[in-house]
Amino acid sequence: MAGEPTFFEIGVADAERGRAFYGALFGWTFDPGPSGGGGLAITTGGVPGGLHGGDAGASPYLFFRVDDLDAAAARVRDLGGTVDDMGEEGAESEESAARFGRFTLCRDDQGSVFGLHEPPQGA
């Protein structure tokens, strides 16, 4: 089914400080993230999440499930929204895509940020 929240991402200036804060606040545990660049996968017991550094003042991002990321991104554009160019930084390796799926950030036709998430095959 498409449209349900499947993932959240928290951007912070310092990932290790974020890990300490949210781990102490919510009891979350963390694993290395898909990029290998210091990002962390969050184990919450509910909706899975991620935490990344180098993003001071960021708001949490909520990602919604789609069956086909490319088709959904095209639909966002058709409806007057925008899709961020993830570039090389956002390009997932085959191993990462197999484990986490594919993601992109978007803005609706009024500028509100949200994400699209195509879960890995079989998820």
PDB file of N, CA and C in Angstrom:
ATOM      1  N   MET A   1       0.846  -1.181   0.000  1.00  0.00           N
ATOM      2  CA  MET A   1       0.000   0.000   0.000  1.00  0.00           C
ATOM      3  C   MET A   1       0.889   1.241   0.000  1.00  0.00           C
ATOM      4  N   ALA A   2       0.534   2.240  -0.753  1.00  0.00           N
ATOM      5  CA  ALA A   2       1.307   3.472  -0.831  1.00  0.00           C
ATOM      6  C   ALA A   2       0.714   4.543   0.084  1.00  0.00           C
ATOM      7  N   GLY A   3       1.564   5.450   0.535  1.00  0.00           N
ATOM      8  CA  GLY A   3       1.114   6.606   1.282  1.00  0.00           C
ATOM      9  C   GLY A   3       1.329   6.562   2.775  1.00  0.00           C
ATOM     10  N   GLU A   4       1.586   5.377   3.356  1.00  0.00           N
ATOM     11  CA  GLU A   4       1.779   5.351   4.798  1.00  0.00           C
ATOM     12  C   GLU A   4       3.205   5.767   5.148  1.00  0.00           C
ATOM     13  N   PRO A   5       3.395   6.399   6.317  1.00  0.00           N
ATOM     14  CA  PRO A   5       4.755   6.739   6.735  1.00  0.00           C
ATOM     15  C   PRO A   5       5.585   5.474   6.902  1.00  0.00           C
ATOM     16  N   THR A   6       6.799   5.492   6.347  1.00  0.00           N
ATOM     17  CA  THR A   6       7.665   4.315   6.437  1.00  0.00           C
ATOM     18  C   THR A   6       9.025   4.612   7.030  1.00  0.00           C
ATOM     19  N   PHE A   7       9.402   5.885   7.120  1.00  0.00           N
ATOM     20  CA  PHE A   7      10.759   6.213   7.555  1.00  0.00           C
ATOM     21  C   PHE A   7      10.783   7.671   7.974  1.00  0.00           C
ATOM     22  N   PHE A   8      11.633   8.014   8.951  1.00  0.00           N
ATOM     23  CA  PHE A   8      11.864   9.407   9.296  1.00  0.00           C
ATOM     24  C   PHE A   8      13.360   9.645   9.362  1.00  0.00           C
ATOM     25  N   GLU A   9      13.758  10.876   9.165  1.00  0.00           N
ATOM     26  CA  GLU A   9      15.177  11.242   9.171  1.00  0.00           C
ATOM     27  C   GLU A   9      15.343  12.507   9.990  1.00  0.00           C
ATOM     28  N   ILE A  10      16.329  12.514  10.881  1.00  0.00           N
ATOM     29  CA  ILE A  10      16.625  13.687  11.692  1.00  0.00           C
ATOM     30  C   ILE A  10      18.002  14.196  11.299  1.00  0.00           C
ATOM     31  N   GLY A  11      18.063  15.454  10.889  1.00  0.00           N
ATOM     32  CA  GLY A  11      19.336  16.091  10.585  1.00  0.00           C
ATOM     33  C   GLY A  11      19.794  16.926  11.765  1.00  0.00           C
ATOM     34  N   VAL A  12      21.050  16.781  12.134  1.00  0.00           N
ATOM     35  CA  VAL A  12      21.643  17.517  13.251  1.00  0.00           C
ATOM     36  C   VAL A  12      23.026  18.004  12.825  1.00  0.00           C
ATOM     37  N   ALA A  13      23.584  18.942  13.567  1.00  0.00           N
ATOM     38  CA  ALA A  13      24.932  19.420  13.257  1.00  0.00           C
ATOM     39  C   ALA A  13      25.968  18.331  13.516  1.00  0.00           C
ATOM     40  N   ASP A  14      25.845  17.631  14.644  1.00  0.00           N
ATOM     41  CA  ASP A  14      26.826  16.627  15.066  1.00  0.00           C
ATOM     42  C   ASP A  14      26.096  15.309  15.328  1.00  0.00           C
ATOM     43  N   ALA A  15      26.360  14.317  14.501  1.00  0.00           N
ATOM     44  CA  ALA A  15      25.652  13.036  14.603  1.00  0.00           C
ATOM     45  C   ALA A  15      25.893  12.336  15.939  1.00  0.00           C
ATOM     46  N   GLU A  16      27.099  12.389  16.457  1.00  0.00           N
ATOM     47  CA  GLU A  16      27.373  11.710  17.731  1.00  0.00           C
ATOM     48  C   GLU A  16      26.637  12.376  18.890  1.00  0.00           C
ATOM     49  N   ARG A  17      26.549  13.700  18.886  1.00  0.00           N
ATOM     50  CA  ARG A  17      25.765  14.389  19.915  1.00  0.00           C
ATOM     51  C   ARG A  17      24.291  14.046  19.767  1.00  0.00           C
ATOM     52  N   GLY A  18      23.808  13.977  18.529  1.00  0.00           N
ATOM     53  CA  GLY A  18      22.423  13.584  18.283  1.00  0.00           C
ATOM     54  C   GLY A  18      22.149  12.177  18.774  1.00  0.00           C
ATOM     55  N   ARG A  19      23.094  11.298  18.518  1.00  0.00           N
ATOM     56  CA  ARG A  19      22.966   9.906  18.986  1.00  0.00           C
ATOM     57  C   ARG A  19      22.840   9.870  20.503  1.00  0.00           C
ATOM     58  N   ALA A  20      23.707  10.605  21.192  1.00  0.00           N
ATOM     59  CA  ALA A  20      23.673  10.629  22.661  1.00  0.00           C
ATOM     60  C   ALA A  20      22.349  11.215  23.166  1.00  0.00           C
ATOM     61  N   PHE A  21      21.911  12.314  22.562  1.00  0.00           N
ATOM     62  CA  PHE A  21      20.687  12.981  23.005  1.00  0.00           C
ATOM     63  C   PHE A  21      19.464  12.084  22.816  1.00  0.00           C
ATOM     64  N   TYR A  22      19.232  11.629  21.579  1.00  0.00           N
ATOM     65  CA  TYR A  22      18.028  10.844  21.302  1.00  0.00           C
ATOM     66  C   TYR A  22      18.084   9.455  21.929  1.00  0.00           C
ATOM     67  N   GLY A  23      19.286   8.905  22.047  1.00  0.00           N
ATOM     68  CA  GLY A  23      19.421   7.625  22.738  1.00  0.00           C
ATOM     69  C   GLY A  23      19.019   7.743  24.200  1.00  0.00           C
ATOM     70  N   ALA A  24      19.468   8.830  24.849  1.00  0.00           N
ATOM     71  CA  ALA A  24      19.120   9.041  26.256  1.00  0.00           C
ATOM     72  C   ALA A  24      17.647   9.410  26.420  1.00  0.00           C
ATOM     73  N   LEU A  25      17.113  10.207  25.500  1.00  0.00           N
ATOM     74  CA  LEU A  25      15.726  10.652  25.605  1.00  0.00           C
ATOM     75  C   LEU A  25      14.730   9.524  25.365  1.00  0.00           C
ATOM     76  N   PHE A  26      14.936   8.758  24.282  1.00  0.00           N
ATOM     77  CA  PHE A  26      13.948   7.758  23.877  1.00  0.00           C
ATOM     78  C   PHE A  26      14.401   6.313  24.045  1.00  0.00           C
ATOM     79  N   GLY A  27      15.660   6.086  24.397  1.00  0.00           N
ATOM     80  CA  GLY A  27      16.162   4.723  24.506  1.00  0.00           C
ATOM     81  C   GLY A  27      16.430   4.071  23.155  1.00  0.00           C
ATOM     82  N   TRP A  28      16.546   4.886  22.095  1.00  0.00           N
ATOM     83  CA  TRP A  28      16.801   4.347  20.767  1.00  0.00           C
ATOM     84  C   TRP A  28      18.198   3.751  20.686  1.00  0.00           C
ATOM     85  N   THR A  29      18.349   2.747  19.861  1.00  0.00           N
ATOM     86  CA  THR A  29      19.665   2.197  19.550  1.00  0.00           C
ATOM     87  C   THR A  29      19.985   2.554  18.100  1.00  0.00           C
ATOM     88  N   PHE A  30      21.253   2.546  17.760  1.00  0.00           N
ATOM     89  CA  PHE A  30      21.716   3.020  16.459  1.00  0.00           C
ATOM     90  C   PHE A  30      22.669   2.020  15.831  1.00  0.00           C
ATOM     91  N   ASP A  31      22.590   1.903  14.521  1.00  0.00           N
ATOM     92  CA  ASP A  31      23.500   1.093  13.721  1.00  0.00           C
ATOM     93  C   ASP A  31      24.084   1.989  12.643  1.00  0.00           C
ATOM     94  N   PRO A  32      25.217   1.591  12.048  1.00  0.00           N
ATOM     95  CA  PRO A  32      25.749   2.391  10.943  1.00  0.00           C
ATOM     96  C   PRO A  32      24.708   2.524   9.835  1.00  0.00           C
ATOM     97  N   GLY A  33      24.635   3.711   9.252  1.00  0.00           N
ATOM     98  CA  GLY A  33      23.669   3.972   8.188  1.00  0.00           C
ATOM     99  C   GLY A  33      24.151   3.502   6.832  1.00  0.00           C
ATOM    100  N   PRO A  34      23.323   3.699   5.818  1.00  0.00           N
ATOM    101  CA  PRO A  34      23.615   3.164   4.494  1.00  0.00           C
ATOM    102  C   PRO A  34      24.762   3.842   3.775  1.00  0.00           C
ATOM    103  N   SER A  35      25.037   5.100   4.079  1.00  0.00           N
ATOM    104  CA  SER A  35      26.033   5.825   3.290  1.00  0.00           C
ATOM    105  C   SER A  35      27.459   5.589   3.754  1.00  0.00           C
ATOM    106  N   GLY A  36      27.631   5.125   4.981  1.00  0.00           N
ATOM    107  CA  GLY A  36      28.965   4.956   5.517  1.00  0.00           C
ATOM    108  C   GLY A  36      29.630   6.280   5.850  1.00  0.00           C
ATOM    109  N   GLY A  37      28.912   7.382   5.706  1.00  0.00           N
ATOM    110  CA  GLY A  37      29.465   8.708   5.948  1.00  0.00           C
ATOM    111  C   GLY A  37      29.132   9.256   7.320  1.00  0.00           C
ATOM    112  N   GLY A  38      28.938   8.401   8.298  1.00  0.00           N
ATOM    113  CA  GLY A  38      28.624   8.865   9.639  1.00  0.00           C
ATOM    114  C   GLY A  38      27.143   8.905   9.948  1.00  0.00           C
ATOM    115  N   GLY A  39      26.305   8.604   8.957  1.00  0.00           N
ATOM    116  CA  GLY A  39      24.875   8.529   9.210  1.00  0.00           C
ATOM    117  C   GLY A  39      24.550   7.293  10.018  1.00  0.00           C
ATOM    118  N   LEU A  40      23.441   7.347  10.721  1.00  0.00           N
ATOM    119  CA  LEU A  40      23.059   6.246  11.606  1.00  0.00           C
ATOM    120  C   LEU A  40      21.635   5.791  11.313  1.00  0.00           C
ATOM    121  N   ALA A  41      21.416   4.505  11.381  1.00  0.00           N
ATOM    122  CA  ALA A  41      20.070   3.939  11.315  1.00  0.00           C
ATOM    123  C   ALA A  41      19.552   3.843  12.740  1.00  0.00           C
ATOM    124  N   ILE A  42      18.312   4.258  12.954  1.00  0.00           N
ATOM    125  CA  ILE A  42      17.721   4.279  14.293  1.00  0.00           C
ATOM    126  C   ILE A  42      16.762   3.106  14.435  1.00  0.00           C
ATOM    127  N   THR A  43      16.914   2.359  15.526  1.00  0.00           N
ATOM    128  CA  THR A  43      15.987   1.284  15.856  1.00  0.00           C
ATOM    129  C   THR A  43      15.035   1.821  16.915  1.00  0.00           C
ATOM    130  N   THR A  44      13.766   1.990  16.548  1.00  0.00           N
ATOM    131  CA  THR A  44      12.804   2.614  17.456  1.00  0.00           C
ATOM    132  C   THR A  44      11.769   1.651  18.024  1.00  0.00           C
ATOM    133  N   GLY A  45      11.579   0.501  17.396  1.00  0.00           N
ATOM    134  CA  GLY A  45      10.484  -0.373  17.786  1.00  0.00           C
ATOM    135  C   GLY A  45       9.209   0.001  17.048  1.00  0.00           C
ATOM    136  N   GLY A  46       9.234   1.069  16.282  1.00  0.00           N
ATOM    137  CA  GLY A  46       8.099   1.520  15.474  1.00  0.00           C
ATOM    138  C   GLY A  46       8.586   1.791  14.068  1.00  0.00           C
ATOM    139  N   VAL A  47       8.295   2.975  13.574  1.00  0.00           N
ATOM    140  CA  VAL A  47       8.748   3.385  12.243  1.00  0.00           C
ATOM    141  C   VAL A  47      10.270   3.528  12.278  1.00  0.00           C
ATOM    142  N   PRO A  48      10.995   2.887  11.364  1.00  0.00           N
ATOM    143  CA  PRO A  48      12.457   3.012  11.368  1.00  0.00           C
ATOM    144  C   PRO A  48      12.876   4.426  10.991  1.00  0.00           C
ATOM    145  N   GLY A  49      14.075   4.793  11.420  1.00  0.00           N
ATOM    146  CA  GLY A  49      14.550   6.140  11.149  1.00  0.00           C
ATOM    147  C   GLY A  49      16.032   6.201  10.916  1.00  0.00           C
ATOM    148  N   GLY A  50      16.485   7.410  10.649  1.00  0.00           N
ATOM    149  CA  GLY A  50      17.895   7.678  10.437  1.00  0.00           C
ATOM    150  C   GLY A  50      18.275   9.002  11.045  1.00  0.00           C
ATOM    151  N   LEU A  51      19.562   9.170  11.300  1.00  0.00           N
ATOM    152  CA  LEU A  51      20.095  10.406  11.852  1.00  0.00           C
ATOM    153  C   LEU A  51      21.373  10.712  11.085  1.00  0.00           C
ATOM    154  N   HIS A  52      21.519  11.958  10.647  1.00  0.00           N
ATOM    155  CA  HIS A  52      22.734  12.342   9.937  1.00  0.00           C
ATOM    156  C   HIS A  52      23.243  13.670  10.461  1.00  0.00           C
ATOM    157  N   GLY A  53      24.547  13.863  10.397  1.00  0.00           N
ATOM    158  CA  GLY A  53      25.177  15.096  10.840  1.00  0.00           C
ATOM    159  C   GLY A  53      25.353  16.078   9.695  1.00  0.00           C
ATOM    160  N   GLY A  54      25.918  17.234  10.030  1.00  0.00           N
ATOM    161  CA  GLY A  54      26.200  18.248   9.034  1.00  0.00           C
ATOM    162  C   GLY A  54      24.980  18.992   8.546  1.00  0.00           C
ATOM    163  N   ASP A  55      23.918  19.018   9.337  1.00  0.00           N
ATOM    164  CA  ASP A  55      22.648  19.603   8.897  1.00  0.00           C
ATOM    165  C   ASP A  55      22.035  20.422  10.031  1.00  0.00           C
ATOM    166  N   ALA A  56      22.785  21.409  10.514  1.00  0.00           N
ATOM    167  CA  ALA A  56      22.331  22.219  11.650  1.00  0.00           C
ATOM    168  C   ALA A  56      20.999  22.887  11.344  1.00  0.00           C
ATOM    169  N   GLY A  57      20.083  22.822  12.285  1.00  0.00           N
ATOM    170  CA  GLY A  57      18.804  23.498  12.165  1.00  0.00           C
ATOM    171  C   GLY A  57      17.787  22.802  11.278  1.00  0.00           C
ATOM    172  N   ALA A  58      18.069  21.581  10.859  1.00  0.00           N
ATOM    173  CA  ALA A  58      17.136  20.856   9.988  1.00  0.00           C
ATOM    174  C   ALA A  58      15.908  20.419  10.768  1.00  0.00           C
ATOM    175  N   SER A  59      14.811  20.318  10.087  1.00  0.00           N
ATOM    176  CA  SER A  59      13.601  19.746  10.657  1.00  0.00           C
ATOM    177  C   SER A  59      13.593  18.259  10.363  1.00  0.00           C
ATOM    178  N   PRO A  60      12.929  17.458  11.196  1.00  0.00           N
ATOM    179  CA  PRO A  60      12.806  16.040  10.864  1.00  0.00           C
ATOM    180  C   PRO A  60      12.045  15.875   9.549  1.00  0.00           C
ATOM    181  N   TYR A  61      12.439  14.899   8.779  1.00  0.00           N
ATOM    182  CA  TYR A  61      11.778  14.588   7.515  1.00  0.00           C
ATOM    183  C   TYR A  61      10.933  13.337   7.698  1.00  0.00           C
ATOM    184  N   LEU A  62       9.735  13.347   7.143  1.00  0.00           N
ATOM    185  CA  LEU A  62       8.872  12.177   7.150  1.00  0.00           C
ATOM    186  C   LEU A  62       8.783  11.654   5.727  1.00  0.00           C
ATOM    187  N   PHE A  63       9.032  10.366   5.564  1.00  0.00           N
ATOM    188  CA  PHE A  63       9.009   9.727   4.254  1.00  0.00           C
ATOM    189  C   PHE A  63       7.760   8.863   4.130  1.00  0.00           C
ATOM    190  N   PHE A  64       7.141   8.918   2.945  1.00  0.00           N
ATOM    191  CA  PHE A  64       5.935   8.147   2.661  1.00  0.00           C
ATOM    192  C   PHE A  64       6.247   7.071   1.630  1.00  0.00           C
ATOM    193  N   ARG A  65       5.662   5.900   1.834  1.00  0.00           N
ATOM    194  CA  ARG A  65       5.897   4.748   0.971  1.00  0.00           C
ATOM    195  C   ARG A  65       5.295   4.975  -0.413  1.00  0.00           C
ATOM    196  N   VAL A  66       6.070   4.595  -1.417  1.00  0.00           N
ATOM    197  CA  VAL A  66       5.596   4.546  -2.797  1.00  0.00           C
ATOM    198  C   VAL A  66       6.086   3.234  -3.401  1.00  0.00           C
ATOM    199  N   ASP A  67       5.342   2.750  -4.382  1.00  0.00           N
ATOM    200  CA  ASP A  67       5.732   1.497  -5.034  1.00  0.00           C
ATOM    201  C   ASP A  67       6.812   1.708  -6.084  1.00  0.00           C
ATOM    202  N   ASP A  68       6.849   2.896  -6.698  1.00  0.00           N
ATOM    203  CA  ASP A  68       7.800   3.202  -7.763  1.00  0.00           C
ATOM    204  C   ASP A  68       8.280   4.631  -7.549  1.00  0.00           C
ATOM    205  N   LEU A  69       9.502   4.794  -7.062  1.00  0.00           N
ATOM    206  CA  LEU A  69      10.028   6.115  -6.719  1.00  0.00           C
ATOM    207  C   LEU A  69      10.071   7.041  -7.933  1.00  0.00           C
ATOM    208  N   ASP A  70      10.501   6.538  -9.070  1.00  0.00           N
ATOM    209  CA  ASP A  70      10.609   7.388 -10.258  1.00  0.00           C
ATOM    210  C   ASP A  70       9.238   7.883 -10.710  1.00  0.00           C
ATOM    211  N   ALA A  71       8.249   6.999 -10.715  1.00  0.00           N
ATOM    212  CA  ALA A  71       6.893   7.394 -11.119  1.00  0.00           C
ATOM    213  C   ALA A  71       6.293   8.383 -10.116  1.00  0.00           C
ATOM    214  N   ALA A  72       6.514   8.155  -8.821  1.00  0.00           N
ATOM    215  CA  ALA A  72       5.977   9.060  -7.800  1.00  0.00           C
ATOM    216  C   ALA A  72       6.637  10.434  -7.893  1.00  0.00           C
ATOM    217  N   ALA A  73       7.946  10.462  -8.145  1.00  0.00           N
ATOM    218  CA  ALA A  73       8.643  11.744  -8.294  1.00  0.00           C
ATOM    219  C   ALA A  73       8.091  12.506  -9.503  1.00  0.00           C
ATOM    220  N   ALA A  74       7.832  11.799 -10.589  1.00  0.00           N
ATOM    221  CA  ALA A  74       7.244  12.438 -11.773  1.00  0.00           C
ATOM    222  C   ALA A  74       5.864  13.003 -11.445  1.00  0.00           C
ATOM    223  N   ARG A  75       5.090  12.270 -10.641  1.00  0.00           N
ATOM    224  CA  ARG A  75       3.744  12.732 -10.259  1.00  0.00           C
ATOM    225  C   ARG A  75       3.835  13.989  -9.387  1.00  0.00           C
ATOM    226  N   VAL A  76       4.825  14.038  -8.478  1.00  0.00           N
ATOM    227  CA  VAL A  76       5.033  15.243  -7.662  1.00  0.00           C
ATOM    228  C   VAL A  76       5.243  16.440  -8.582  1.00  0.00           C
ATOM    229  N   ARG A  77       6.093  16.283  -9.585  1.00  0.00           N
ATOM    230  CA  ARG A  77       6.358  17.380 -10.524  1.00  0.00           C
ATOM    231  C   ARG A  77       5.091  17.753 -11.300  1.00  0.00           C
ATOM    232  N   ASP A  78       4.327  16.742 -11.735  1.00  0.00           N
ATOM    233  CA  ASP A  78       3.085  16.999 -12.471  1.00  0.00           C
ATOM    234  C   ASP A  78       2.099  17.820 -11.643  1.00  0.00           C
ATOM    235  N   LEU A  79       2.120  17.626 -10.338  1.00  0.00           N
ATOM    236  CA  LEU A  79       1.190  18.311  -9.440  1.00  0.00           C
ATOM    237  C   LEU A  79       1.708  19.676  -8.976  1.00  0.00           C
ATOM    238  N   GLY A  80       2.870  20.103  -9.493  1.00  0.00           N
ATOM    239  CA  GLY A  80       3.404  21.410  -9.159  1.00  0.00           C
ATOM    240  C   GLY A  80       4.423  21.410  -8.042  1.00  0.00           C
ATOM    241  N   GLY A  81       4.795  20.243  -7.564  1.00  0.00           N
ATOM    242  CA  GLY A  81       5.822  20.143  -6.537  1.00  0.00           C
ATOM    243  C   GLY A  81       7.201  20.018  -7.158  1.00  0.00           C
ATOM    244  N   THR A  82       8.204  19.908  -6.305  1.00  0.00           N
ATOM    245  CA  THR A  82       9.573  19.741  -6.771  1.00  0.00           C
ATOM    246  C   THR A  82      10.194  18.526  -6.100  1.00  0.00           C
ATOM    247  N   VAL A  83      11.184  17.976  -6.763  1.00  0.00           N
ATOM    248  CA  VAL A  83      11.919  16.813  -6.259  1.00  0.00           C
ATOM    249  C   VAL A  83      13.384  17.212  -6.191  1.00  0.00           C
ATOM    250  N   ASP A  84      13.996  17.066  -5.026  1.00  0.00           N
ATOM    251  CA  ASP A  84      15.397  17.428  -4.868  1.00  0.00           C
ATOM    252  C   ASP A  84      16.278  16.504  -5.688  1.00  0.00           C
ATOM    253  N   ASP A  85      17.283  17.075  -6.298  1.00  0.00           N
ATOM    254  CA  ASP A  85      18.288  16.287  -6.991  1.00  0.00           C
ATOM    255  C   ASP A  85      19.234  15.756  -5.923  1.00  0.00           C
ATOM    256  N   MET A  86      19.193  14.456  -5.687  1.00  0.00           N
ATOM    257  CA  MET A  86      20.012  13.855  -4.643  1.00  0.00           C
ATOM    258  C   MET A  86      21.478  13.770  -5.074  1.00  0.00           C
ATOM    259  N   GLY A  87      21.766  13.875  -6.369  1.00  0.00           N
ATOM    260  CA  GLY A  87      23.138  13.857  -6.860  1.00  0.00           C
ATOM    261  C   GLY A  87      23.887  12.618  -6.412  1.00  0.00           C
ATOM    262  N   GLU A  88      25.192  12.704  -6.439  1.00  0.00           N
ATOM    263  CA  GLU A  88      26.036  11.570  -6.044  1.00  0.00           C
ATOM    264  C   GLU A  88      25.868  11.247  -4.567  1.00  0.00           C
ATOM    265  N   GLU A  89      25.659  12.278  -3.729  1.00  0.00           N
ATOM    266  CA  GLU A  89      25.495  12.059  -2.292  1.00  0.00           C
ATOM    267  C   GLU A  89      24.282  11.181  -2.003  1.00  0.00           C
ATOM    268  N   GLY A  90      23.219  11.332  -2.793  1.00  0.00           N
ATOM    269  CA  GLY A  90      22.004  10.581  -2.548  1.00  0.00           C
ATOM    270  C   GLY A  90      21.926   9.277  -3.306  1.00  0.00           C
ATOM    271  N   ALA A  91      22.898   9.030  -4.160  1.00  0.00           N
ATOM    272  CA  ALA A  91      22.873   7.797  -4.950  1.00  0.00           C
ATOM    273  C   ALA A  91      23.175   6.620  -4.032  1.00  0.00           C
ATOM    274  N   GLU A  92      22.254   5.688  -3.991  1.00  0.00           N
ATOM    275  CA  GLU A  92      22.426   4.537  -3.124  1.00  0.00           C
ATOM    276  C   GLU A  92      23.243   3.471  -3.834  1.00  0.00           C
ATOM    277  N   SER A  93      24.070   2.781  -3.083  1.00  0.00           N
ATOM    278  CA  SER A  93      24.746   1.622  -3.639  1.00  0.00           C
ATOM    279  C   SER A  93      23.721   0.505  -3.758  1.00  0.00           C
ATOM    280  N   GLU A  94      24.033  -0.501  -4.550  1.00  0.00           N
ATOM    281  CA  GLU A  94      23.113  -1.635  -4.672  1.00  0.00           C
ATOM    282  C   GLU A  94      22.881  -2.281  -3.319  1.00  0.00           C
ATOM    283  N   GLU A  95      23.935  -2.397  -2.522  1.00  0.00           N
ATOM    284  CA  GLU A  95      23.821  -3.005  -1.191  1.00  0.00           C
ATOM    285  C   GLU A  95      22.915  -2.170  -0.292  1.00  0.00           C
ATOM    286  N   SER A  96      23.102  -0.846  -0.323  1.00  0.00           N
ATOM    287  CA  SER A  96      22.283   0.047   0.493  1.00  0.00           C
ATOM    288  C   SER A  96      20.826   0.008   0.052  1.00  0.00           C
ATOM    289  N   ALA A  97      20.588   0.057  -1.265  1.00  0.00           N
ATOM    290  CA  ALA A  97      19.211   0.013  -1.771  1.00  0.00           C
ATOM    291  C   ALA A  97      18.540  -1.300  -1.411  1.00  0.00           C
ATOM    292  N   ALA A  98      19.297  -2.396  -1.428  1.00  0.00           N
ATOM    293  CA  ALA A  98      18.735  -3.699  -1.071  1.00  0.00           C
ATOM    294  C   ALA A  98      18.353  -3.737   0.404  1.00  0.00           C
ATOM    295  N   ARG A  99      19.090  -3.028   1.237  1.00  0.00           N
ATOM    296  CA  ARG A  99      18.830  -3.039   2.688  1.00  0.00           C
ATOM    297  C   ARG A  99      17.797  -2.000   3.106  1.00  0.00           C
ATOM    298  N   PHE A 100      17.886  -0.787   2.539  1.00  0.00           N
ATOM    299  CA  PHE A 100      17.057   0.328   2.995  1.00  0.00           C
ATOM    300  C   PHE A 100      16.023   0.797   1.981  1.00  0.00           C
ATOM    301  N   GLY A 101      16.193   0.481   0.715  1.00  0.00           N
ATOM    302  CA  GLY A 101      15.316   0.987  -0.330  1.00  0.00           C
ATOM    303  C   GLY A 101      15.867   2.275  -0.903  1.00  0.00           C
ATOM    304  N   ARG A 102      15.020   2.998  -1.622  1.00  0.00           N
ATOM    305  CA  ARG A 102      15.410   4.250  -2.270  1.00  0.00           C
ATOM    306  C   ARG A 102      14.612   5.405  -1.682  1.00  0.00           C
ATOM    307  N   PHE A 103      15.248   6.587  -1.581  1.00  0.00           N
ATOM    308  CA  PHE A 103      14.651   7.759  -0.963  1.00  0.00           C
ATOM    309  C   PHE A 103      14.878   9.004  -1.816  1.00  0.00           C
ATOM    310  N   THR A 104      13.993   9.967  -1.706  1.00  0.00           N
ATOM    311  CA  THR A 104      14.242  11.302  -2.214  1.00  0.00           C
ATOM    312  C   THR A 104      13.397  12.297  -1.417  1.00  0.00           C
ATOM    313  N   LEU A 105      13.908  13.511  -1.294  1.00  0.00           N
ATOM    314  CA  LEU A 105      13.155  14.588  -0.652  1.00  0.00           C
ATOM    315  C   LEU A 105      12.418  15.383  -1.713  1.00  0.00           C
ATOM    316  N   CYS A 106      11.249  15.876  -1.346  1.00  0.00           N
ATOM    317  CA  CYS A 106      10.389  16.645  -2.251  1.00  0.00           C
ATOM    318  C   CYS A 106       9.827  17.848  -1.500  1.00  0.00           C
ATOM    319  N   ARG A 107       9.225  18.732  -2.264  1.00  0.00           N
ATOM    320  CA  ARG A 107       8.429  19.833  -1.713  1.00  0.00           C
ATOM    321  C   ARG A 107       7.086  19.809  -2.424  1.00  0.00           C
ATOM    322  N   ASP A 108       6.022  20.009  -1.655  1.00  0.00           N
ATOM    323  CA  ASP A 108       4.703  20.066  -2.292  1.00  0.00           C
ATOM    324  C   ASP A 108       4.546  21.395  -3.030  1.00  0.00           C
ATOM    325  N   ASP A 109       3.396  21.644  -3.592  1.00  0.00           N
ATOM    326  CA  ASP A 109       3.192  22.848  -4.391  1.00  0.00           C
ATOM    327  C   ASP A 109       3.143  24.128  -3.556  1.00  0.00           C
ATOM    328  N   GLN A 110       3.261  24.005  -2.227  1.00  0.00           N
ATOM    329  CA  GLN A 110       3.328  25.164  -1.338  1.00  0.00           C
ATOM    330  C   GLN A 110       4.685  25.277  -0.643  1.00  0.00           C
ATOM    331  N   GLY A 111       5.600  24.344  -0.942  1.00  0.00           N
ATOM    332  CA  GLY A 111       6.946  24.409  -0.389  1.00  0.00           C
ATOM    333  C   GLY A 111       7.210  23.552   0.827  1.00  0.00           C
ATOM    334  N   SER A 112       6.219  22.796   1.308  1.00  0.00           N
ATOM    335  CA  SER A 112       6.441  21.932   2.475  1.00  0.00           C
ATOM    336  C   SER A 112       7.262  20.712   2.079  1.00  0.00           C
ATOM    337  N   VAL A 113       8.254  20.396   2.906  1.00  0.00           N
ATOM    338  CA  VAL A 113       9.167  19.290   2.624  1.00  0.00           C
ATOM    339  C   VAL A 113       8.574  17.963   3.104  1.00  0.00           C
ATOM    340  N   PHE A 114       8.728  16.938   2.282  1.00  0.00           N
ATOM    341  CA  PHE A 114       8.384  15.560   2.646  1.00  0.00           C
ATOM    342  C   PHE A 114       9.268  14.644   1.828  1.00  0.00           C
ATOM    343  N   GLY A 115       9.259  13.376   2.162  1.00  0.00           N
ATOM    344  CA  GLY A 115      10.082  12.433   1.426  1.00  0.00           C
ATOM    345  C   GLY A 115       9.262  11.308   0.828  1.00  0.00           C
ATOM    346  N   LEU A 116       9.829  10.714  -0.217  1.00  0.00           N
ATOM    347  CA  LEU A 116       9.281   9.503  -0.818  1.00  0.00           C
ATOM    348  C   LEU A 116      10.247   8.365  -0.536  1.00  0.00           C
ATOM    349  N   HIS A 117       9.691   7.189  -0.234  1.00  0.00           N
ATOM    350  CA  HIS A 117      10.505   6.015   0.096  1.00  0.00           C
ATOM    351  C   HIS A 117       9.965   4.814  -0.657  1.00  0.00           C
ATOM    352  N   GLU A 118      10.803   4.227  -1.483  1.00  0.00           N
ATOM    353  CA  GLU A 118      10.485   2.970  -2.138  1.00  0.00           C
ATOM    354  C   GLU A 118      11.211   1.880  -1.359  1.00  0.00           C
ATOM    355  N   PRO A 119      10.495   1.114  -0.515  1.00  0.00           N
ATOM    356  CA  PRO A 119      11.155   0.084   0.298  1.00  0.00           C
ATOM    357  C   PRO A 119      11.865  -0.942  -0.581  1.00  0.00           C
ATOM    358  N   PRO A 120      12.806  -1.667   0.015  1.00  0.00           N
ATOM    359  CA  PRO A 120      13.492  -2.692  -0.763  1.00  0.00           C
ATOM    360  C   PRO A 120      12.536  -3.786  -1.222  1.00  0.00           C
ATOM    361  N   GLN A 121      12.910  -4.476  -2.275  1.00  0.00           N
ATOM    362  CA  GLN A 121      12.098  -5.575  -2.790  1.00  0.00           C
ATOM    363  C   GLN A 121      11.784  -6.554  -1.677  1.00  0.00           C
ATOM    364  N   GLY A 122      10.540  -6.990  -1.598  1.00  0.00           N
ATOM    365  CA  GLY A 122      10.122  -7.984  -0.611  1.00  0.00           C
ATOM    366  C   GLY A 122       9.792  -7.427   0.757  1.00  0.00           C
ATOM    367  N   ALA A 123       9.913  -6.103   0.945  1.00  0.00           N
ATOM    368  CA  ALA A 123       9.635  -5.519   2.270  1.00  0.00           C
ATOM    369  C   ALA A 123       8.154  -5.219   2.403  1.00  0.00           C
TER     370      ALA A 123
END
